[in-house]
Amino acid sequence: MAEETDNKPATESTPTPAESGANELESPDSDVNALEGGRSSADGVVDATSQNGTGSAPPAPPPQKTGLKQKLRKFNIYLLMFLFIILVAGVIVATAYFQSKKAATTTTVNTQKLTQQTLEQVASSDATVGTAQSVLNVQSSAVFAGKVLVRDGLEVAGGLQIGGSVTVSDLNVSGIGQFGQLKVSKDLAVSGDSAVQGSETIGKSIQVTGGGSFGGPVTAPQITTSSLQLNSDLVLTHHISVSGGIPGHDQGPALGSGGSSTVNGTDTAGTTTINTGSSPAAGCFITVNFTTKYSRTPRVLVTPVGSSAGKIDYYVNRSANNFSICDASAPPSGASFAFDYFVID
């Protein structure tokens, strides 16, 4: 048995340390060949070095990263956008809160109770109670023996009853105002409708630029109007008096030599007096010229005064400017008579 051992070839002897180191240095190439062993060449030939018994197995491929960290990396942009929106919303809410708190602070009016000590202080001297932002609450009734001065506006939530007179420089009533007796010593301007249920006494003149409608009778000692239009009958229980300027007149040929005529009255009514001279002829005695021209030819009513005037064959000529009293025949000489006239448009 010992001889057989000695007859073994030298190639099968135990490698020396130097050879072992050489084999270890060549192991990386073996690993590279092992990695390439599983690949096929372009010709479909498998590398023999990857299939021999001495080659090492190829390493396993690295595992896929599918954990929570990978998901966070995937959704980090959405998370940042969401956090930004939350931050902006928080800033807006905080700003609105502080603004509302500031407004509530400025509009809040503090209340202050009026104690007995404060009342005594007010009664004994000129004292200031509270501040400009305070509210004075008086639960019971208050009686002021002297004058009350309100430097700012006065607001009354309930009814206001004043037993004496009220003097104001300007009174503006936006709603309904009810007055038992209202005396206006200066101007009264009413821009809207005015309804007076009771009697109204006006000490001075009243001027109405628009129309006026009265459901009942109107009583006035004197009414002056530039135009009076009646939609119904005119009922007069007293005399009619007319006034105005005295119209002018012209002498006519029917007066004769040395004759004269006069007029006394207005454009509406009056009397003409005629005095004939010598040798009067047929024609007009007098022409009355109106002080104000009529808009059209008016109606002229002439009435003879006395029997001598009744014997005259008179007639009238008329126009918008004047009218004439004439005689169709020669009147008597040295006679005096008169005619009344009434003119209506």
Protein backbone atom coordinates (compact mmCIF):
# COMPACT_ATOMS: atom_id res chain seq x y z
CA MET A 1 0.00 0.00 0.00
CA ALA A 2 2.88 2.32 0.73
CA GLU A 3 4.35 1.63 -2.67
CA GLU A 4 1.20 2.52 -4.45
CA THR A 5 1.16 5.80 -2.71
CA ASP A 6 4.66 6.54 -3.76
CA ASN A 7 3.84 5.68 -7.41
CA LYS A 8 1.16 8.33 -7.78
CA PRO A 9 1.87 11.01 -10.35
CA ALA A 10 3.41 14.29 -9.18
CA THR A 11 0.50 16.26 -10.52
CA GLU A 12 -1.78 14.92 -7.83
CA SER A 13 0.44 16.04 -5.01
CA THR A 14 -0.69 18.53 -2.45
CA PRO A 15 -0.33 22.08 -3.75
CA THR A 16 2.21 24.26 -2.25
CA PRO A 17 1.33 27.42 -0.42
CA ALA A 18 2.48 29.47 -3.44
CA GLU A 19 0.15 27.59 -5.71
CA SER A 20 -2.74 28.05 -3.28
CA GLY A 21 -2.15 31.76 -3.33
CA ALA A 22 -2.11 31.77 -7.11
CA ASN A 23 -5.40 29.97 -7.18
CA GLU A 24 -6.88 32.49 -4.78
CA LEU A 25 -5.68 35.37 -6.98
CA GLU A 26 -7.37 33.77 -9.97
CA SER A 27 -10.71 33.43 -8.18
CA PRO A 28 -12.06 36.85 -9.27
CA ASP A 29 -11.78 35.83 -12.88
CA SER A 30 -13.67 32.71 -11.97
CA ASP A 31 -16.37 34.87 -10.41
CA VAL A 32 -16.57 37.04 -13.51
CA ASN A 33 -16.86 33.92 -15.63
CA ALA A 34 -19.53 32.67 -13.29
CA LEU A 35 -21.53 35.87 -13.72
CA GLU A 36 -21.21 35.57 -17.45
CA GLY A 37 -21.86 31.81 -17.37
CA GLY A 38 -25.63 32.14 -17.42
CA ARG A 39 -25.54 34.36 -20.55
CA SER A 40 -25.67 32.96 -24.01
CA SER A 41 -23.44 34.17 -26.73
CA ALA A 42 -24.70 35.63 -29.91
CA ASP A 43 -24.26 32.22 -31.61
CA GLY A 44 -26.33 30.42 -28.92
CA VAL A 45 -23.21 28.66 -27.56
CA VAL A 46 -23.05 28.30 -23.85
CA ASP A 47 -19.77 29.16 -22.19
CA ALA A 48 -18.25 25.97 -20.86
CA THR A 49 -16.53 27.67 -18.00
CA SER A 50 -19.88 28.56 -16.45
CA GLN A 51 -21.08 24.94 -16.43
CA ASN A 52 -18.09 23.06 -15.07
CA GLY A 53 -18.07 21.77 -11.57
CA THR A 54 -15.38 24.12 -10.45
CA GLY A 55 -17.24 27.42 -11.31
CA SER A 56 -19.09 29.27 -8.54
CA ALA A 57 -22.90 30.08 -8.75
CA PRO A 58 -23.94 33.60 -9.98
CA PRO A 59 -25.08 36.02 -7.27
CA ALA A 60 -28.79 36.70 -6.83
CA PRO A 61 -30.16 40.03 -8.29
CA PRO A 62 -30.78 42.86 -5.79
CA PRO A 63 -34.32 42.94 -4.35
CA GLN A 64 -36.82 45.58 -5.48
CA LYS A 65 -37.41 48.45 -2.97
CA THR A 66 -41.20 48.36 -2.35
CA GLY A 67 -41.33 49.55 1.25
CA LEU A 68 -42.90 52.63 2.97
CA LYS A 69 -39.87 54.78 2.16
CA GLN A 70 -40.39 54.26 -1.59
CA LYS A 71 -44.07 55.25 -1.28
CA LEU A 72 -43.17 58.38 0.65
CA ARG A 73 -40.71 59.33 -2.07
CA LYS A 74 -43.47 58.87 -4.62
CA PHE A 75 -46.02 61.05 -2.86
CA ASN A 76 -43.79 63.69 -1.27
CA ILE A 77 -44.76 66.40 -3.81
CA TYR A 78 -48.49 65.99 -3.00
CA LEU A 79 -47.73 66.11 0.70
CA LEU A 80 -45.82 69.36 0.29
CA MET A 81 -48.68 70.88 -1.71
CA PHE A 82 -51.21 69.83 0.93
CA LEU A 83 -49.10 71.30 3.74
CA PHE A 84 -48.76 74.57 1.79
CA ILE A 85 -52.54 74.82 1.35
CA ILE A 86 -53.08 74.14 5.07
CA LEU A 87 -50.58 76.87 5.92
CA VAL A 88 -52.26 79.46 3.65
CA ALA A 89 -55.71 78.60 5.04
CA GLY A 90 -54.39 78.99 8.58
CA VAL A 91 -52.99 82.43 7.81
CA ILE A 92 -56.31 83.56 6.30
CA VAL A 93 -58.33 82.27 9.26
CA ALA A 94 -55.99 83.92 11.75
CA THR A 95 -56.14 87.25 9.91
CA ALA A 96 -59.95 87.20 9.79
CA TYR A 97 -60.11 86.34 13.48
CA PHE A 98 -57.88 89.20 14.55
CA GLN A 99 -59.70 91.65 12.30
CA SER A 100 -63.10 90.68 13.74
CA LYS A 101 -61.72 90.88 17.25
CA LYS A 102 -60.33 94.34 16.55
CA ALA A 103 -63.69 95.53 15.11
CA ALA A 104 -65.56 94.14 18.09
CA THR A 105 -63.16 95.90 20.40
CA THR A 106 -63.65 99.30 18.69
CA THR A 107 -67.45 99.09 18.55
CA THR A 108 -67.97 97.75 22.03
CA VAL A 109 -69.40 100.37 24.35
CA ASN A 110 -68.77 99.83 27.98
CA THR A 111 -71.60 100.30 30.42
CA GLN A 112 -71.22 102.05 33.70
CA LYS A 113 -73.70 102.10 36.55
CA LEU A 114 -74.69 105.41 38.07
CA THR A 115 -74.18 105.07 41.80
CA GLN A 116 -75.55 107.28 44.53
CA GLN A 117 -72.11 108.73 45.12
CA THR A 118 -71.88 109.71 41.46
CA LEU A 119 -75.30 111.36 41.62
CA GLU A 120 -74.25 113.42 44.63
CA GLN A 121 -71.10 114.43 42.81
CA VAL A 122 -73.11 115.54 39.80
CA ALA A 123 -75.53 117.50 41.98
CA SER A 124 -72.76 119.36 43.85
CA SER A 125 -70.50 120.30 40.96
CA ASP A 126 -69.98 120.17 37.23
CA ALA A 127 -68.57 116.66 36.89
CA THR A 128 -67.94 114.29 34.03
CA VAL A 129 -69.38 110.81 34.36
CA GLY A 130 -67.67 108.00 32.48
CA THR A 131 -65.82 108.31 29.21
CA ALA A 132 -66.81 108.94 25.62
CA GLN A 133 -67.22 105.18 25.08
CA SER A 134 -69.36 104.61 28.19
CA VAL A 135 -73.12 104.31 28.39
CA LEU A 136 -75.12 105.81 31.24
CA ASN A 137 -78.06 103.57 32.13
CA VAL A 138 -80.84 105.10 34.23
CA GLN A 139 -83.35 102.44 35.18
CA SER A 140 -85.80 104.74 36.92
CA SER A 141 -87.47 107.94 35.78
CA ALA A 142 -85.32 111.05 35.67
CA VAL A 143 -86.43 114.62 36.34
CA PHE A 144 -84.17 117.51 35.39
CA ALA A 145 -85.09 120.74 37.12
CA GLY A 146 -82.82 122.86 34.94
CA LYS A 147 -81.75 122.93 31.34
CA VAL A 148 -80.37 119.86 29.57
CA LEU A 149 -77.70 120.35 26.93
CA VAL A 150 -76.93 117.54 24.49
CA ARG A 151 -73.77 118.30 22.55
CA ASP A 152 -74.17 115.33 20.22
CA GLY A 153 -77.17 113.69 18.56
CA LEU A 154 -80.22 112.72 20.60
CA GLU A 155 -81.83 109.37 19.85
CA VAL A 156 -85.15 108.42 21.45
CA ALA A 157 -86.10 104.76 21.12
CA GLY A 158 -89.62 105.26 22.48
CA GLY A 159 -92.22 108.01 22.32
CA LEU A 160 -91.32 111.62 22.98
CA GLN A 161 -93.76 113.83 24.89
CA ILE A 162 -93.03 117.51 25.37
CA GLY A 163 -95.33 119.49 27.60
CA GLY A 164 -94.00 122.92 26.66
CA SER A 165 -92.84 124.68 23.54
CA VAL A 166 -90.07 123.33 21.33
CA THR A 167 -87.64 125.66 19.57
CA VAL A 168 -85.48 124.13 16.85
CA SER A 169 -83.48 125.72 14.07
CA ASP A 170 -84.02 122.79 11.71
CA LEU A 171 -86.58 119.98 11.97
CA ASN A 172 -86.33 117.05 9.60
CA VAL A 173 -89.13 114.47 9.89
CA SER A 174 -88.50 111.42 7.72
CA GLY A 175 -91.55 109.52 8.91
CA ILE A 176 -95.01 110.51 10.12
CA GLY A 177 -95.18 113.54 12.39
CA GLN A 178 -98.26 114.20 14.50
CA PHE A 179 -98.60 117.61 16.10
CA GLY A 180 -101.45 118.80 18.26
CA GLN A 181 -100.55 122.38 17.44
CA LEU A 182 -97.73 123.46 15.16
CA LYS A 183 -96.66 127.08 14.90
CA VAL A 184 -94.15 128.03 12.22
CA SER A 185 -92.69 131.51 12.58
CA LYS A 186 -90.44 131.20 9.56
CA ASP A 187 -90.46 129.19 6.33
CA LEU A 188 -92.12 125.77 6.05
CA ALA A 189 -90.93 123.61 3.17
CA VAL A 190 -92.82 120.40 2.41
CA SER A 191 -91.29 118.38 -0.42
CA GLY A 192 -93.87 115.61 -0.29
CA ASP A 193 -97.61 115.39 0.31
CA SER A 194 -99.08 117.17 3.33
CA ALA A 195 -102.34 116.08 4.95
CA VAL A 196 -103.89 118.41 7.53
CA GLN A 197 -106.76 116.79 9.42
CA GLY A 198 -107.69 119.79 11.53
CA SER A 199 -107.72 123.52 11.02
CA GLU A 200 -104.59 125.33 9.94
CA THR A 201 -103.85 128.94 10.76
CA ILE A 202 -101.15 130.73 8.79
CA GLY A 203 -100.10 134.10 10.18
CA LYS A 204 -98.24 135.20 7.06
CA SER A 205 -98.58 134.50 3.38
CA ILE A 206 -98.58 131.04 1.84
CA GLN A 207 -97.05 130.32 -1.54
CA VAL A 208 -97.88 127.16 -3.45
CA THR A 209 -95.85 126.55 -6.59
CA GLY A 210 -97.82 123.47 -7.56
CA GLY A 211 -101.48 122.60 -7.58
CA GLY A 212 -103.70 122.76 -4.54
CA SER A 213 -106.68 120.53 -3.88
CA PHE A 214 -109.22 121.24 -1.15
CA GLY A 215 -111.93 118.76 -0.25
CA GLY A 216 -113.86 121.29 1.82
CA PRO A 217 -114.61 125.01 1.71
CA VAL A 218 -111.81 127.56 1.70
CA THR A 219 -112.40 130.68 3.77
CA ALA A 220 -110.19 133.71 3.24
CA PRO A 221 -110.81 137.46 3.59
CA GLN A 222 -108.90 138.04 0.38
CA ILE A 223 -107.60 135.74 -2.36
CA THR A 224 -105.21 137.15 -4.93
CA THR A 225 -104.56 135.01 -7.98
CA SER A 226 -103.28 135.64 -11.47
CA SER A 227 -105.71 133.12 -12.95
CA LEU A 228 -108.85 131.54 -11.55
CA GLN A 229 -110.33 128.48 -13.21
CA LEU A 230 -113.65 127.08 -12.04
CA ASN A 231 -114.80 123.61 -13.00
CA SER A 232 -118.27 124.21 -11.61
CA ASP A 233 -120.71 127.07 -11.06
CA LEU A 234 -119.56 130.31 -9.48
CA VAL A 235 -121.71 131.16 -6.50
CA LEU A 236 -121.29 134.65 -5.05
CA THR A 237 -123.11 135.65 -1.90
CA HIS A 238 -121.78 139.22 -1.91
CA HIS A 239 -120.90 142.04 -4.25
CA ILE A 240 -118.39 141.87 -7.06
CA SER A 241 -115.71 144.52 -6.84
CA VAL A 242 -113.18 144.96 -9.59
CA SER A 243 -109.99 146.97 -9.43
CA GLY A 244 -107.21 147.94 -11.74
CA GLY A 245 -105.81 150.87 -13.65
CA ILE A 246 -108.04 153.48 -15.27
CA PRO A 247 -108.01 152.99 -19.03
CA GLY A 248 -107.29 155.85 -21.43
CA HIS A 249 -109.78 157.27 -23.92
CA ASP A 250 -110.02 159.24 -27.16
CA GLN A 251 -112.56 161.93 -28.13
CA GLY A 252 -114.99 161.12 -30.97
CA PRO A 253 -116.63 163.35 -33.65
CA ALA A 254 -120.12 162.86 -32.17
CA LEU A 255 -119.22 165.22 -29.28
CA GLY A 256 -119.46 168.26 -31.58
CA SER A 257 -117.60 171.52 -31.14
CA GLY A 258 -116.53 172.10 -27.53
CA GLY A 259 -117.81 168.69 -26.34
CA SER A 260 -115.95 166.42 -23.85
CA SER A 261 -115.94 162.88 -22.45
CA THR A 262 -114.46 161.11 -19.39
CA VAL A 263 -114.06 157.53 -18.17
CA ASN A 264 -113.98 156.25 -14.60
CA GLY A 265 -113.39 152.55 -13.92
CA THR A 266 -111.16 149.68 -15.04
CA ASP A 267 -110.82 147.41 -18.02
CA THR A 268 -113.59 145.27 -16.61
CA ALA A 269 -116.24 147.77 -15.58
CA GLY A 270 -116.74 151.53 -15.39
CA THR A 271 -118.73 154.58 -16.44
CA THR A 272 -118.27 157.01 -19.33
CA THR A 273 -119.66 160.56 -19.13
CA ILE A 274 -120.42 162.45 -22.36
CA ASN A 275 -121.04 166.19 -22.80
CA THR A 276 -121.99 167.25 -26.32
CA GLY A 277 -121.11 170.66 -27.74
CA SER A 278 -122.53 172.50 -30.67
CA SER A 279 -123.40 170.85 -33.97
CA PRO A 280 -122.68 167.19 -32.95
CA ALA A 281 -122.77 164.68 -35.78
CA ALA A 282 -123.50 160.99 -35.98
CA GLY A 283 -120.56 158.83 -35.01
CA CYS A 284 -118.68 157.74 -31.91
CA PHE A 285 -118.61 159.70 -28.65
CA ILE A 286 -115.63 158.03 -26.97
CA THR A 287 -113.11 155.21 -27.50
CA VAL A 288 -111.93 153.42 -24.30
CA ASN A 289 -108.42 151.93 -24.58
CA PHE A 290 -107.72 148.92 -22.29
CA THR A 291 -104.72 149.07 -19.99
CA THR A 292 -104.10 145.38 -20.71
CA LYS A 293 -104.89 143.88 -24.06
CA TYR A 294 -107.33 140.96 -24.04
CA SER A 295 -106.31 137.67 -25.62
CA ARG A 296 -109.31 137.92 -27.97
CA THR A 297 -112.21 140.29 -28.67
CA PRO A 298 -114.16 140.54 -25.40
CA ARG A 299 -117.89 140.92 -24.79
CA VAL A 300 -118.81 144.54 -23.99
CA LEU A 301 -122.12 145.33 -22.28
CA VAL A 302 -123.15 149.02 -22.38
CA THR A 303 -126.10 150.40 -20.40
CA PRO A 304 -127.43 153.99 -20.82
CA VAL A 305 -127.77 156.01 -17.60
CA GLY A 306 -130.82 158.27 -17.41
CA SER A 307 -133.65 159.06 -19.82
CA SER A 308 -131.57 161.37 -21.97
CA ALA A 309 -129.09 158.61 -22.69
CA GLY A 310 -131.97 156.21 -23.37
CA LYS A 311 -133.21 158.39 -26.22
CA ILE A 312 -129.92 158.07 -28.11
CA ASP A 313 -129.63 155.48 -30.85
CA TYR A 314 -126.29 154.12 -29.56
CA TYR A 315 -124.18 151.12 -30.59
CA VAL A 316 -120.75 149.66 -29.71
CA ASN A 317 -117.59 148.88 -31.68
CA ARG A 318 -115.14 146.52 -29.95
CA SER A 319 -111.74 144.83 -30.37
CA ALA A 320 -109.05 143.22 -28.20
CA ASN A 321 -107.47 146.65 -27.58
CA ASN A 322 -110.49 148.95 -27.03
CA PHE A 323 -114.21 149.61 -27.52
CA SER A 324 -116.20 152.66 -28.68
CA ILE A 325 -119.66 154.02 -27.80
CA CYS A 326 -121.29 155.55 -30.85
CA ASP A 327 -124.59 157.15 -32.00
CA ALA A 328 -126.28 156.12 -35.26
CA SER A 329 -127.90 159.55 -35.59
CA ALA A 330 -126.91 163.09 -34.65
CA PRO A 331 -127.27 163.54 -30.85
CA PRO A 332 -128.72 166.69 -29.29
CA SER A 333 -126.31 169.56 -28.74
CA GLY A 334 -125.44 170.79 -25.24
CA ALA A 335 -126.62 167.56 -23.60
CA SER A 336 -125.03 165.46 -20.84
CA PHE A 337 -125.55 161.74 -20.37
CA ALA A 338 -123.60 158.65 -19.25
CA PHE A 339 -123.11 155.00 -20.13
CA ASP A 340 -122.04 152.13 -17.86
CA TYR A 341 -119.95 149.31 -19.37
CA PHE A 342 -119.01 145.77 -18.35
CA VAL A 343 -116.34 143.82 -20.25
CA ILE A 344 -115.79 140.08 -20.02
CA ASP A 345 -113.49 137.85 -22.06
